[in-house]
């Protein structure tokens, strides 16, 4: 880990270099750094899964989870740095990967945003795991929902993809579900972001939420078209897998899921939209279309 931090400092130093040679060194060091970060990430995942398999009942398990998330973020970040550096050092590569060529920088920006948002969702999902739960797999409060709704509204399908990857990474590392099961269960978080990604644009809701009408529209879309179907899907899958004991547990999970999200969307999602939308529009990060 100390070696990783050392190379991260080297990366930061080289990023200040404006010459072609400096950008080339940045690309090389970023790609090289991805190797030890990936190894650390996989080792952390193995240690957590096989040594601290009882989850968050052990403090060491929580630390292993957070360490795994951190390593995963570092790995994704350095891959992104490598591609960004090569984008400047070898423009022809981007021209071949992006068609038309004018989408090269925009697509790279979308990838960066997706990686950062996925990391945020992963950390928030991990924090929710240590709160009170109604039933297995359903936290009383899930702060990630407010961010997922906002990410979908701001970034369209890229925000939905980030929400999916965030839960998939968090759940797989923490041991809530296997990777194969997670590929299905993580669709629940994708649904929440997908609802706002489509709803905001279809119903012409102003993402800045300038008045009650637009705020109520965002709230209704997030809760009724996002949270509700996501809760039905997630709990039904768990019911079929035997995680839930019966239909009574299923409906308790659905009810608890949506009560918690009704609060989160109100106190996290709406303020986040009002505060963050002007910045997203000003910086050009807001995606006007669906993707």
Protein backbone atom coordinates (compact mmCIF):
# COMPACT_ATOMS: atom_id res chain seq x y z
CA UNK A 1 0.00 0.00 0.00
CA UNK A 2 2.87 2.38 0.76
CA UNK A 3 4.31 1.56 -2.68
CA UNK A 4 0.94 2.38 -4.21
CA UNK A 5 0.81 5.73 -2.43
CA UNK A 6 4.34 6.48 -3.61
CA UNK A 7 3.42 5.89 -7.23
CA UNK A 8 0.24 7.93 -6.74
CA UNK A 9 2.44 10.88 -5.72
CA UNK A 10 4.58 10.29 -8.80
CA UNK A 11 1.41 10.29 -10.90
CA UNK A 12 0.31 13.59 -9.40
CA UNK A 13 3.70 15.14 -10.06
CA UNK A 14 3.75 13.99 -13.67
CA UNK A 15 0.21 15.29 -14.20
CA UNK A 16 1.64 18.81 -13.85
CA UNK A 17 3.86 18.16 -16.84
CA UNK A 18 2.50 19.87 -19.96
CA UNK A 19 4.86 18.35 -22.51
CA UNK A 20 4.19 15.33 -24.71
CA UNK A 21 6.94 13.42 -22.94
CA UNK A 22 5.42 14.18 -19.54
CA UNK A 23 1.99 12.99 -20.63
CA UNK A 24 3.55 9.82 -21.97
CA UNK A 25 5.22 9.17 -18.62
CA UNK A 26 1.89 9.80 -16.90
CA UNK A 27 0.16 7.24 -19.09
CA UNK A 28 2.89 4.65 -18.44
CA UNK A 29 2.98 5.21 -14.66
CA UNK A 30 -0.82 5.16 -14.39
CA UNK A 31 -1.04 1.87 -16.25
CA UNK A 32 1.81 0.44 -14.17
CA UNK A 33 0.19 1.62 -10.94
CA UNK A 34 -3.01 -0.19 -11.83
CA UNK A 35 -1.24 -3.53 -11.41
CA UNK A 36 -0.32 -3.32 -7.67
CA UNK A 37 -3.63 -1.60 -6.93
CA UNK A 38 -5.55 -4.43 -8.60
CA UNK A 39 -3.52 -7.04 -6.74
CA UNK A 40 -4.17 -5.25 -3.44
CA UNK A 41 -7.87 -5.04 -4.28
CA UNK A 42 -8.14 -8.76 -5.05
CA UNK A 43 -6.18 -9.72 -1.92
CA UNK A 44 -8.41 -7.54 0.23
CA UNK A 45 -11.47 -9.13 -1.35
CA UNK A 46 -10.11 -12.62 -0.66
CA UNK A 47 -9.21 -11.79 2.93
CA UNK A 48 -12.62 -10.30 3.59
CA UNK A 49 -14.53 -13.15 1.99
CA UNK A 50 -12.67 -16.04 3.56
CA UNK A 51 -11.38 -14.72 6.88
CA UNK A 52 -14.03 -12.21 7.87
CA UNK A 53 -16.96 -13.95 6.30
CA UNK A 54 -19.31 -13.05 9.13
CA UNK A 55 -19.64 -9.53 7.72
CA UNK A 56 -19.97 -6.41 9.81
CA UNK A 57 -20.32 -8.18 13.17
CA UNK A 58 -16.54 -7.93 13.39
CA UNK A 59 -14.90 -4.48 13.30
CA UNK A 60 -12.10 -5.94 11.21
CA UNK A 61 -14.67 -6.91 8.62
CA UNK A 62 -15.81 -3.28 8.27
CA UNK A 63 -12.22 -2.13 7.85
CA UNK A 64 -11.58 -4.77 5.22
CA UNK A 65 -14.67 -3.66 3.33
CA UNK A 66 -13.64 0.00 3.35
CA UNK A 67 -10.09 -0.92 2.35
CA UNK A 68 -11.43 -2.97 -0.54
CA UNK A 69 -13.61 -0.09 -1.74
CA UNK A 70 -10.63 2.28 -1.51
CA UNK A 71 -8.44 -0.07 -3.54
CA UNK A 72 -11.19 -0.52 -6.10
CA UNK A 73 -11.53 3.25 -6.48
CA UNK A 74 -7.76 3.61 -6.88
CA UNK A 75 -7.73 0.90 -9.53
CA UNK A 76 -10.53 2.51 -11.56
CA UNK A 77 -9.03 5.98 -11.15
CA UNK A 78 -5.64 4.94 -12.44
CA UNK A 79 -7.10 3.19 -15.43
CA UNK A 80 -8.97 6.40 -16.19
CA UNK A 81 -5.79 8.45 -15.74
CA UNK A 82 -4.00 6.14 -18.14
CA UNK A 83 -6.68 6.48 -20.83
CA UNK A 84 -6.85 10.26 -20.34
CA UNK A 85 -3.10 10.57 -20.68
CA UNK A 86 -3.04 8.43 -23.80
CA UNK A 87 -5.89 10.53 -25.15
CA UNK A 88 -3.48 13.48 -25.15
CA UNK A 89 -0.32 11.53 -25.99
CA UNK A 90 -1.79 9.43 -28.78
CA UNK A 91 -4.94 11.12 -30.18
CA UNK A 92 -5.26 8.50 -32.91
CA UNK A 93 -6.20 5.91 -30.29
CA UNK A 94 -9.22 7.92 -29.21
CA UNK A 95 -10.23 8.49 -32.83
CA UNK A 96 -10.38 4.74 -33.33
CA UNK A 97 -12.26 4.07 -30.10
CA UNK A 98 -14.75 6.91 -30.38
CA UNK A 99 -16.96 7.42 -33.38
CA UNK A 100 -17.50 10.10 -34.44
CA UNK A 101 -14.19 11.58 -33.38
CA UNK A 102 -15.86 14.61 -31.78
CA UNK A 103 -17.28 12.33 -29.07
CA UNK A 104 -13.83 11.28 -27.82
CA UNK A 105 -13.42 13.83 -25.03
CA UNK A 106 -17.10 13.68 -24.10
CA UNK A 107 -17.06 9.91 -23.79
CA UNK A 108 -13.94 10.07 -21.64
CA UNK A 109 -15.68 12.58 -19.39
CA UNK A 110 -18.65 10.24 -19.06
CA UNK A 111 -16.37 7.36 -18.06
CA UNK A 112 -14.73 9.48 -15.38
CA UNK A 113 -18.09 10.59 -14.01
CA UNK A 114 -19.37 7.00 -14.00
CA UNK A 115 -16.34 5.73 -12.07
CA UNK A 116 -16.52 8.51 -9.47
CA UNK A 117 -20.27 8.10 -8.99
CA UNK A 118 -19.94 4.32 -8.69
CA UNK A 119 -17.32 4.80 -5.96
CA UNK A 120 -19.63 7.17 -4.07
CA UNK A 121 -22.53 4.71 -4.26
CA UNK A 122 -20.29 1.84 -3.11
CA UNK A 123 -19.18 3.73 -0.01
CA UNK A 124 -22.72 4.91 0.83
CA UNK A 125 -24.07 1.37 0.36
CA UNK A 126 -21.37 0.08 2.72
CA UNK A 127 -22.28 2.63 5.37
CA UNK A 128 -25.95 1.69 5.11
CA UNK A 129 -25.07 -1.92 5.88
CA UNK A 130 -24.15 -1.04 9.47
CA UNK A 131 -27.50 0.64 10.18
CA UNK A 132 -30.67 -1.00 11.50
CA UNK A 133 -32.32 -3.37 9.01
CA UNK A 134 -35.98 -4.32 8.64
CA UNK A 135 -35.15 -7.70 7.15
CA UNK A 136 -31.98 -9.19 5.67
CA UNK A 137 -30.72 -6.97 2.87
CA UNK A 138 -32.99 -3.98 3.53
CA UNK A 139 -31.53 -1.11 5.57
CA UNK A 140 -33.84 1.25 7.46
CA UNK A 141 -32.11 4.18 5.78
CA UNK A 142 -30.20 3.92 2.50
CA UNK A 143 -28.57 7.30 1.76
CA UNK A 144 -27.33 6.06 -1.61
CA UNK A 145 -30.89 6.36 -2.96
CA UNK A 146 -30.79 10.16 -2.83
CA UNK A 147 -27.53 10.18 -4.77
CA UNK A 148 -28.71 7.58 -7.28
CA UNK A 149 -31.82 9.60 -8.07
CA UNK A 150 -29.66 12.70 -8.58
CA UNK A 151 -27.03 10.88 -10.63
CA UNK A 152 -29.74 9.55 -12.94
CA UNK A 153 -31.22 13.02 -13.36
CA UNK A 154 -27.83 14.61 -14.05
CA UNK A 155 -26.02 11.97 -16.07
CA UNK A 156 -28.79 9.90 -17.63
CA UNK A 157 -27.92 6.29 -18.38
CA UNK A 158 -24.36 6.89 -17.18
CA UNK A 159 -25.74 7.63 -13.71
CA UNK A 160 -27.82 4.46 -13.85
CA UNK A 161 -24.73 2.44 -14.80
CA UNK A 162 -22.79 3.99 -11.91
CA UNK A 163 -25.56 3.06 -9.47
CA UNK A 164 -25.53 -0.51 -10.71
CA UNK A 165 -21.76 -0.86 -10.45
CA UNK A 166 -21.69 0.81 -7.03
CA UNK A 167 -24.04 -1.71 -5.41
CA UNK A 168 -22.44 -4.61 -7.27
CA UNK A 169 -18.98 -3.72 -5.94
CA UNK A 170 -20.17 -2.97 -2.41
CA UNK A 171 -22.30 -6.09 -2.11
CA UNK A 172 -19.71 -8.43 -3.62
CA UNK A 173 -16.90 -7.14 -1.41
CA UNK A 174 -18.95 -7.11 1.77
CA UNK A 175 -20.32 -10.61 1.29
CA UNK A 176 -24.00 -9.64 1.13
CA UNK A 177 -24.30 -11.72 -2.02
CA UNK A 178 -22.14 -13.61 -4.49
CA UNK A 179 -20.96 -11.88 -7.63
CA UNK A 180 -23.40 -13.87 -9.77
CA UNK A 181 -26.35 -13.01 -7.50
CA UNK A 182 -25.17 -9.42 -7.34
CA UNK A 183 -25.37 -9.09 -11.12
CA UNK A 184 -29.12 -9.52 -10.67
CA UNK A 185 -29.76 -7.76 -7.35
CA UNK A 186 -27.77 -4.67 -8.35
CA UNK A 187 -30.41 -4.00 -11.00
CA UNK A 188 -32.54 -2.59 -8.17
CA UNK A 189 -30.26 0.43 -7.79
CA UNK A 190 -30.07 0.79 -11.56
CA UNK A 191 -33.89 1.03 -11.63
CA UNK A 192 -33.88 3.97 -9.20
CA UNK A 193 -31.42 6.00 -11.26
CA UNK A 194 -32.99 4.90 -14.52
CA UNK A 195 -36.37 6.22 -13.36
CA UNK A 196 -35.06 9.75 -12.90
CA UNK A 197 -32.84 9.52 -15.99
CA UNK A 198 -35.93 8.90 -18.11
CA UNK A 199 -38.54 10.72 -16.00
CA UNK A 200 -36.72 14.05 -15.79
CA UNK A 201 -36.34 14.19 -19.56
CA UNK A 202 -39.72 12.70 -20.50
CA UNK A 203 -41.86 14.82 -18.17
CA UNK A 204 -39.76 17.97 -18.73
CA UNK A 205 -38.88 18.36 -15.04
CA UNK A 206 -36.36 21.15 -14.43
CA UNK A 207 -33.42 19.45 -12.62
CA UNK A 208 -32.76 22.68 -10.69
CA UNK A 209 -36.19 22.17 -9.04
CA UNK A 210 -37.05 25.90 -9.06
CA UNK A 211 -40.50 25.47 -7.53
CA UNK A 212 -42.76 23.01 -5.73
CA UNK A 213 -44.17 21.57 -8.97
CA UNK A 214 -40.78 20.43 -10.24
CA UNK A 215 -39.64 19.26 -6.79
CA UNK A 216 -42.83 17.22 -6.39
CA UNK A 217 -42.33 15.76 -9.87
CA UNK A 218 -38.79 14.68 -9.06
CA UNK A 219 -39.96 13.21 -5.73
CA UNK A 220 -42.82 11.27 -7.34
CA UNK A 221 -40.63 9.90 -10.15
CA UNK A 222 -37.89 8.85 -7.73
CA UNK A 223 -40.26 7.17 -5.29
CA UNK A 224 -43.07 5.74 -7.42
CA UNK A 225 -41.20 4.90 -10.62
CA UNK A 226 -37.82 4.20 -9.01
CA UNK A 227 -37.93 3.06 -5.41
CA UNK A 228 -41.21 1.10 -5.56
CA UNK A 229 -40.44 -1.19 -8.51
CA UNK A 230 -36.85 -1.56 -7.28
CA UNK A 231 -38.08 -2.74 -3.87
CA UNK A 232 -40.48 -5.24 -5.44
CA UNK A 233 -37.73 -6.62 -7.67
CA UNK A 234 -35.00 -6.84 -5.00
CA UNK A 235 -37.19 -8.47 -2.35
CA UNK A 236 -38.82 -10.86 -4.81
CA UNK A 237 -35.40 -12.11 -5.91
CA UNK A 238 -34.42 -12.59 -2.27
CA UNK A 239 -37.70 -14.42 -1.65
CA UNK A 240 -36.99 -16.83 -4.51
CA UNK A 241 -33.43 -17.35 -3.25
CA UNK A 242 -34.69 -18.25 0.22
CA UNK A 243 -33.15 -15.22 1.91
CA UNK A 244 -36.64 -14.15 3.04
CA UNK A 245 -38.73 -16.58 5.03
CA UNK A 246 -42.02 -15.87 3.26
CA UNK A 247 -44.42 -13.35 1.78
CA UNK A 248 -44.84 -11.58 5.11
CA UNK A 249 -41.12 -10.81 5.14
CA UNK A 250 -41.37 -9.77 1.51
CA UNK A 251 -44.01 -7.12 2.20
CA UNK A 252 -42.20 -5.92 5.32
CA UNK A 253 -39.11 -5.46 3.19
CA UNK A 254 -41.01 -3.57 0.49
CA UNK A 255 -42.72 -1.32 3.03
CA UNK A 256 -39.55 -0.62 5.00
CA UNK A 257 -37.58 0.01 1.81
CA UNK A 258 -40.00 2.67 0.57
CA UNK A 259 -40.57 4.36 3.93
CA UNK A 260 -36.83 4.80 4.30
CA UNK A 261 -36.41 6.01 0.72
CA UNK A 262 -39.32 8.44 1.07
CA UNK A 263 -37.34 10.12 3.83
CA UNK A 264 -33.98 9.93 2.04
CA UNK A 265 -35.26 11.38 -1.24
CA UNK A 266 -36.82 14.26 0.70
CA UNK A 267 -33.85 15.15 2.91
CA UNK A 268 -30.99 14.10 0.61
CA UNK A 269 -32.19 13.84 -2.98
CA UNK A 270 -34.07 17.14 -3.33
CA UNK A 271 -31.44 19.31 -1.55
CA UNK A 272 -28.71 17.60 -3.59
CA UNK A 273 -30.53 18.41 -6.83
CA UNK A 274 -31.09 22.05 -5.87
CA UNK A 275 -27.50 22.58 -4.76
CA UNK A 276 -25.71 20.48 -7.35
CA UNK A 277 -27.62 21.10 -10.58
CA UNK A 278 -26.26 24.66 -11.18
CA UNK A 279 -22.70 23.31 -10.88
CA UNK A 280 -23.43 20.40 -13.23
CA UNK A 281 -24.88 22.77 -15.81
CA UNK A 282 -22.05 25.29 -15.45
CA UNK A 283 -19.28 22.72 -15.77
CA UNK A 284 -20.93 20.96 -18.70
CA UNK A 285 -21.18 17.64 -16.87
CA UNK A 286 -24.97 17.55 -17.16
CA UNK A 287 -26.12 15.14 -19.86
CA UNK A 288 -28.97 16.70 -21.80
CA UNK A 289 -29.97 13.52 -23.60
CA UNK A 290 -30.43 10.06 -22.18
CA UNK A 291 -26.71 9.29 -22.59
